[in-house]
Amino acid sequence: MAKKLRSAELNPGPGFRIQQEFERLSVPVMQELSQFEVPDISDLLNRLYAIDPEIRCLSGRYRLCGPACTVKVFPGDNLMVHKALDIAKPGDIIVVDGSGSGSRTNALIGDIICTKAQHRGIQGFIIDGLIRDLPAIEELGYPVFARGTTAIGPLHRGPGEINFPIACGGTVINPGDVIIADDAGMVAVPRDIVSTVVNILTSQRETNRAYLSAVQRGEFSNEWVDNLLAQHECLIVDAAQDESPTTQTPSDAIVTKS
């Protein structure tokens, strides 16, 4: 009688492993970062650390700021999400790589797991995938960011990983990176540069406030736009000076530098 193929077995190691501890920043440092708006943080990080806006808060209007407890699951399976409830500490945000838009069948969490997470003091979930039981989660008053909802529940078989690097919404997230999420979007700040980001944003705060105040008074100039267009030699055509347009051949339409 043929035995089960070894390729069907779960193999301990990459793809099926758990790291129980990771370094978290102090609460005061994360509170300092939380004073700043998500778009401002994203701009400072050159717009490369924002999470896909299709992942949004489905359960209400909430703002999260805390360390990421990362989970990677096999599409449609949430065994490791359940285990993450034992690994995450109060104040953590569980961030799940569920293969995103490539997995549009099974939910990865529902109201029961949210209730358990709330009892454990976990701030909320960010799910690169689907959820279910949204009305019950809304009634629970628990923050859940996800791509959408479905009635189809998850499997509980594995494999998966906890607290190893993941991809969530097109952004690489490591355990301990600081997540800030609200109605304006989400950004993942690498743990080792959080203090630098806070210092730079703090130094820019008064300048930004002064600029916004001037704009609100109607005091602004777009001279910087013209300077940038000139720098890149943008072709600007004044239609009022050309009342008899002529047909150009393809070669005539090519502008070259002398």
Protein backbone atom coordinates (compact mmCIF):
# COMPACT_ATOMS: atom_id res chain seq x y z
CA MET A 1 0.00 0.00 0.00
CA ALA A 2 1.36 3.40 -0.97
CA LYS A 3 2.26 5.69 1.92
CA LYS A 4 1.65 9.40 2.09
CA LEU A 5 4.17 11.38 0.10
CA ARG A 6 6.77 13.23 2.14
CA SER A 7 5.97 16.34 0.12
CA ALA A 8 2.57 16.41 1.88
CA GLU A 9 4.15 16.62 5.35
CA LEU A 10 4.82 19.78 7.37
CA ASN A 11 8.53 20.32 7.84
CA PRO A 12 9.88 22.17 10.87
CA GLY A 13 11.94 25.20 9.90
CA PRO A 14 11.31 27.98 7.39
CA GLY A 15 7.60 28.16 6.73
CA PHE A 16 6.69 26.36 9.95
CA ARG A 17 8.33 28.08 12.91
CA ILE A 18 7.64 30.42 15.84
CA GLN A 19 9.85 33.03 17.45
CA GLN A 20 8.42 33.71 20.87
CA GLU A 21 10.20 36.96 21.71
CA PHE A 22 11.23 40.09 19.85
CA GLU A 23 12.51 43.51 20.86
CA ARG A 24 9.89 46.17 21.46
CA LEU A 25 10.48 49.89 21.73
CA SER A 26 9.50 51.66 24.91
CA VAL A 27 5.95 52.97 25.16
CA PRO A 28 7.09 56.63 25.49
CA VAL A 29 9.01 56.42 22.19
CA MET A 30 5.99 55.00 20.37
CA GLN A 31 3.75 57.63 21.96
CA GLU A 32 6.03 60.33 20.57
CA LEU A 33 5.69 58.83 17.08
CA SER A 34 1.91 58.61 17.44
CA GLN A 35 1.69 62.42 17.71
CA PHE A 36 2.38 62.71 13.98
CA GLU A 37 0.03 62.13 11.08
CA VAL A 38 0.38 58.99 8.96
CA PRO A 39 0.88 60.96 5.69
CA ASP A 40 3.68 63.02 7.26
CA ILE A 41 5.46 59.89 8.44
CA SER A 42 5.03 58.30 5.03
CA ASP A 43 6.45 61.37 3.28
CA LEU A 44 9.53 61.34 5.51
CA LEU A 45 10.07 57.68 4.59
CA ASN A 46 10.00 58.64 0.90
CA ARG A 47 6.53 57.12 0.41
CA LEU A 48 7.95 53.59 0.45
CA TYR A 49 6.65 52.28 3.78
CA ALA A 50 2.91 52.85 3.46
CA ILE A 51 0.65 49.79 3.44
CA ASP A 52 -1.72 49.17 0.52
CA PRO A 53 -4.79 51.41 1.06
CA GLU A 54 -7.10 48.57 0.05
CA ILE A 55 -6.41 47.28 3.55
CA ARG A 56 -8.60 49.54 5.66
CA CYS A 57 -10.43 49.55 8.97
CA LEU A 58 -13.70 47.69 8.48
CA SER A 59 -14.97 47.73 12.05
CA GLY A 60 -15.19 51.48 12.71
CA ARG A 61 -12.91 54.47 13.13
CA TYR A 62 -9.83 53.67 15.17
CA ARG A 63 -6.20 54.74 15.45
CA LEU A 64 -3.52 52.19 16.26
CA CYS A 65 0.11 52.71 17.17
CA GLY A 66 2.21 49.84 18.44
CA PRO A 67 4.72 47.09 17.72
CA ALA A 68 3.97 44.50 15.06
CA CYS A 69 3.65 40.87 16.03
CA THR A 70 4.00 39.35 12.58
CA VAL A 71 2.22 36.27 11.31
CA LYS A 72 2.54 34.52 7.97
CA VAL A 73 -0.13 31.96 7.09
CA PHE A 74 -0.89 29.55 4.30
CA PRO A 75 -3.71 31.10 2.25
CA GLY A 76 -7.03 30.47 3.97
CA ASP A 77 -5.48 28.96 7.13
CA ASN A 78 -5.32 30.68 10.53
CA LEU A 79 -3.64 28.15 12.82
CA MET A 80 -0.75 30.53 13.44
CA VAL A 81 -3.09 33.46 14.06
CA HIS A 82 -4.58 31.52 16.96
CA LYS A 83 -1.11 30.75 18.29
CA ALA A 84 -0.12 34.40 17.98
CA LEU A 85 -2.62 35.18 20.74
CA ASP A 86 -0.25 33.36 23.09
CA ILE A 87 2.84 35.11 21.72
CA ALA A 88 1.68 38.74 21.42
CA LYS A 89 1.94 41.00 24.45
CA PRO A 90 -0.60 43.62 25.57
CA GLY A 91 -0.25 46.63 23.28
CA ASP A 92 0.96 44.63 20.29
CA ILE A 93 -0.72 44.77 16.88
CA ILE A 94 -1.01 41.41 15.12
CA VAL A 95 -0.13 41.87 11.44
CA VAL A 96 -1.02 38.94 9.19
CA ASP A 97 0.44 38.15 5.78
CA GLY A 98 -2.44 36.22 4.23
CA SER A 99 -1.21 36.53 0.63
CA GLY A 100 -3.42 39.57 0.16
CA SER A 101 -5.37 39.91 -3.04
CA GLY A 102 -4.09 36.51 -4.15
CA SER A 103 -6.23 34.82 -1.48
CA ARG A 104 -9.87 35.86 -1.87
CA THR A 105 -11.75 32.87 -0.50
CA ASN A 106 -11.37 32.15 3.21
CA ALA A 107 -11.53 34.59 6.10
CA LEU A 108 -8.51 34.60 8.41
CA ILE A 109 -10.25 35.88 11.55
CA GLY A 110 -13.76 36.38 12.91
CA ASP A 111 -15.49 37.65 16.02
CA ILE A 112 -14.34 34.81 18.29
CA ILE A 113 -10.64 35.38 17.74
CA CYS A 114 -11.19 39.15 18.06
CA THR A 115 -12.89 38.61 21.42
CA LYS A 116 -9.93 36.52 22.60
CA ALA A 117 -7.46 39.16 21.36
CA GLN A 118 -9.35 41.91 23.14
CA HIS A 119 -9.14 39.97 26.43
CA ARG A 120 -5.37 39.60 25.91
CA GLY A 121 -4.92 43.36 25.50
CA ILE A 122 -3.88 43.14 21.84
CA GLN A 123 -4.57 46.49 20.17
CA GLY A 124 -5.99 45.14 16.93
CA PHE A 125 -5.46 43.20 13.72
CA ILE A 126 -4.11 44.19 10.34
CA ILE A 127 -5.01 41.44 7.89
CA ASP A 128 -3.68 41.25 4.36
CA GLY A 129 -6.67 39.13 3.42
CA LEU A 130 -10.33 38.71 4.33
CA ILE A 131 -12.29 38.50 7.59
CA ARG A 132 -15.79 37.37 8.56
CA ASP A 133 -18.41 38.13 11.24
CA LEU A 134 -18.02 41.88 10.70
CA PRO A 135 -21.32 42.90 12.39
CA ALA A 136 -20.27 41.07 15.56
CA ILE A 137 -16.78 42.62 15.42
CA GLU A 138 -18.34 46.08 15.08
CA GLU A 139 -20.52 45.39 18.11
CA LEU A 140 -17.44 44.22 19.98
CA GLY A 141 -15.77 47.57 19.26
CA TYR A 142 -12.47 46.08 18.13
CA PRO A 143 -10.12 47.50 15.48
CA VAL A 144 -9.71 45.25 12.44
CA PHE A 145 -8.07 46.39 9.21
CA ALA A 146 -8.53 44.04 6.25
CA ARG A 147 -9.24 43.84 2.52
CA GLY A 148 -12.86 42.72 2.81
CA THR A 149 -15.31 40.20 4.20
CA THR A 150 -16.55 36.73 3.35
CA ALA A 151 -18.78 34.12 4.95
CA ILE A 152 -16.25 31.34 4.32
CA GLY A 153 -14.30 30.44 7.43
CA PRO A 154 -10.61 29.53 7.72
CA LEU A 155 -8.87 26.17 8.01
CA HIS A 156 -6.68 25.27 10.98
CA ARG A 157 -3.90 23.10 9.57
CA GLY A 158 -0.80 25.23 9.04
CA PRO A 159 1.90 25.81 7.99
CA GLY A 160 2.88 29.34 8.95
CA GLU A 161 5.30 31.53 10.87
CA ILE A 162 5.18 33.90 13.83
CA ASN A 163 7.58 36.81 14.32
CA PHE A 164 9.61 36.52 11.15
CA PRO A 165 9.65 39.07 8.31
CA ILE A 166 6.42 39.27 6.33
CA ALA A 167 4.95 41.24 3.44
CA CYS A 168 1.73 43.07 4.25
CA GLY A 169 0.10 45.29 1.67
CA GLY A 170 3.28 45.47 -0.38
CA THR A 171 5.48 46.49 2.54
CA VAL A 172 8.07 44.37 4.34
CA ILE A 173 7.36 44.31 8.07
CA ASN A 174 9.62 42.86 10.74
CA PRO A 175 8.54 41.96 14.25
CA GLY A 176 8.81 45.04 16.43
CA ASP A 177 8.38 47.54 13.60
CA VAL A 178 5.95 50.25 14.68
CA ILE A 179 2.59 50.31 12.93
CA ILE A 180 0.49 53.46 12.79
CA ALA A 181 -2.95 53.00 11.28
CA ASP A 182 -6.05 55.19 11.06
CA ASP A 183 -8.48 56.67 8.53
CA ALA A 184 -5.59 58.39 6.75
CA GLY A 185 -3.84 55.11 5.97
CA MET A 186 -1.18 52.88 7.44
CA VAL A 187 2.58 53.03 7.64
CA ALA A 188 5.16 50.62 9.05
CA VAL A 189 8.20 52.33 10.58
CA PRO A 190 11.29 50.11 10.94
CA ARG A 191 12.03 49.74 14.63
CA ASP A 192 15.65 50.90 14.43
CA ILE A 193 14.82 54.29 12.86
CA VAL A 194 11.79 55.30 14.91
CA SER A 195 13.77 57.71 17.13
CA THR A 196 15.36 59.32 14.07
CA VAL A 197 11.95 59.74 12.44
CA VAL A 198 10.55 61.34 15.60
CA ASN A 199 13.49 63.75 15.87
CA ILE A 200 13.20 64.88 12.24
CA LEU A 201 9.43 65.29 12.37
CA THR A 202 9.74 67.26 15.60
CA SER A 203 12.30 69.58 14.03
CA GLN A 204 9.98 70.19 11.06
CA ARG A 205 6.81 70.70 13.08
CA GLU A 206 6.91 74.49 13.50
CA THR A 207 7.91 75.08 9.87
CA ASN A 208 5.04 72.91 8.66
CA ARG A 209 2.57 74.65 10.96
CA ALA A 210 3.68 78.07 9.76
CA TYR A 211 3.35 77.02 6.11
CA LEU A 212 -0.15 75.59 6.65
CA SER A 213 -1.22 78.71 8.51
CA ALA A 214 -0.02 80.88 5.63
CA VAL A 215 -1.90 78.75 3.09
CA GLN A 216 -5.06 79.01 5.17
CA ARG A 217 -4.70 82.80 5.01
CA GLY A 218 -4.29 82.59 1.24
CA GLU A 219 -0.61 83.53 1.38
CA PHE A 220 1.25 81.20 -0.93
CA SER A 221 3.14 81.08 -4.21
CA ASN A 222 3.60 78.39 -6.83
CA GLU A 223 6.97 79.75 -7.89
CA TRP A 224 8.52 76.46 -6.86
CA VAL A 225 6.34 74.70 -9.47
CA ASP A 226 7.61 76.98 -12.24
CA ASN A 227 11.19 76.49 -11.10
CA LEU A 228 10.79 72.72 -11.24
CA LEU A 229 9.20 72.84 -14.70
CA ALA A 230 12.02 75.04 -15.93
CA GLN A 231 14.62 72.73 -14.43
CA HIS A 232 13.25 69.84 -16.48
CA GLU A 233 12.72 72.02 -19.58
CA CYS A 234 8.98 71.43 -19.77
CA LEU A 235 7.52 72.53 -23.13
CA ILE A 236 4.84 75.17 -22.51
CA VAL A 237 2.67 76.24 -25.45
CA ASP A 238 0.76 79.53 -25.45
CA ALA A 239 -2.26 78.76 -27.66
CA ALA A 240 -3.18 82.45 -27.93
CA GLN A 241 0.00 83.13 -29.93
CA ASP A 242 -0.62 80.36 -32.44
CA GLU A 243 -3.88 81.11 -34.29
CA SER A 244 -3.01 79.15 -37.45
CA PRO A 245 -1.95 75.68 -36.39
CA THR A 246 -0.11 73.62 -38.98
CA THR A 247 0.22 69.90 -39.40
CA GLN A 248 3.50 68.53 -38.13
CA THR A 249 5.30 65.54 -39.48
CA PRO A 250 6.66 63.11 -36.89
CA SER A 251 10.18 64.48 -37.40
CA ASP A 252 8.96 68.07 -36.92
CA ALA A 253 7.41 67.14 -33.58
CA ILE A 254 10.68 65.97 -32.07
CA VAL A 255 12.38 68.60 -29.92
CA THR A 256 16.12 68.20 -29.58
CA LYS A 257 18.74 70.03 -27.59
CA SER A 258 21.49 71.84 -29.47
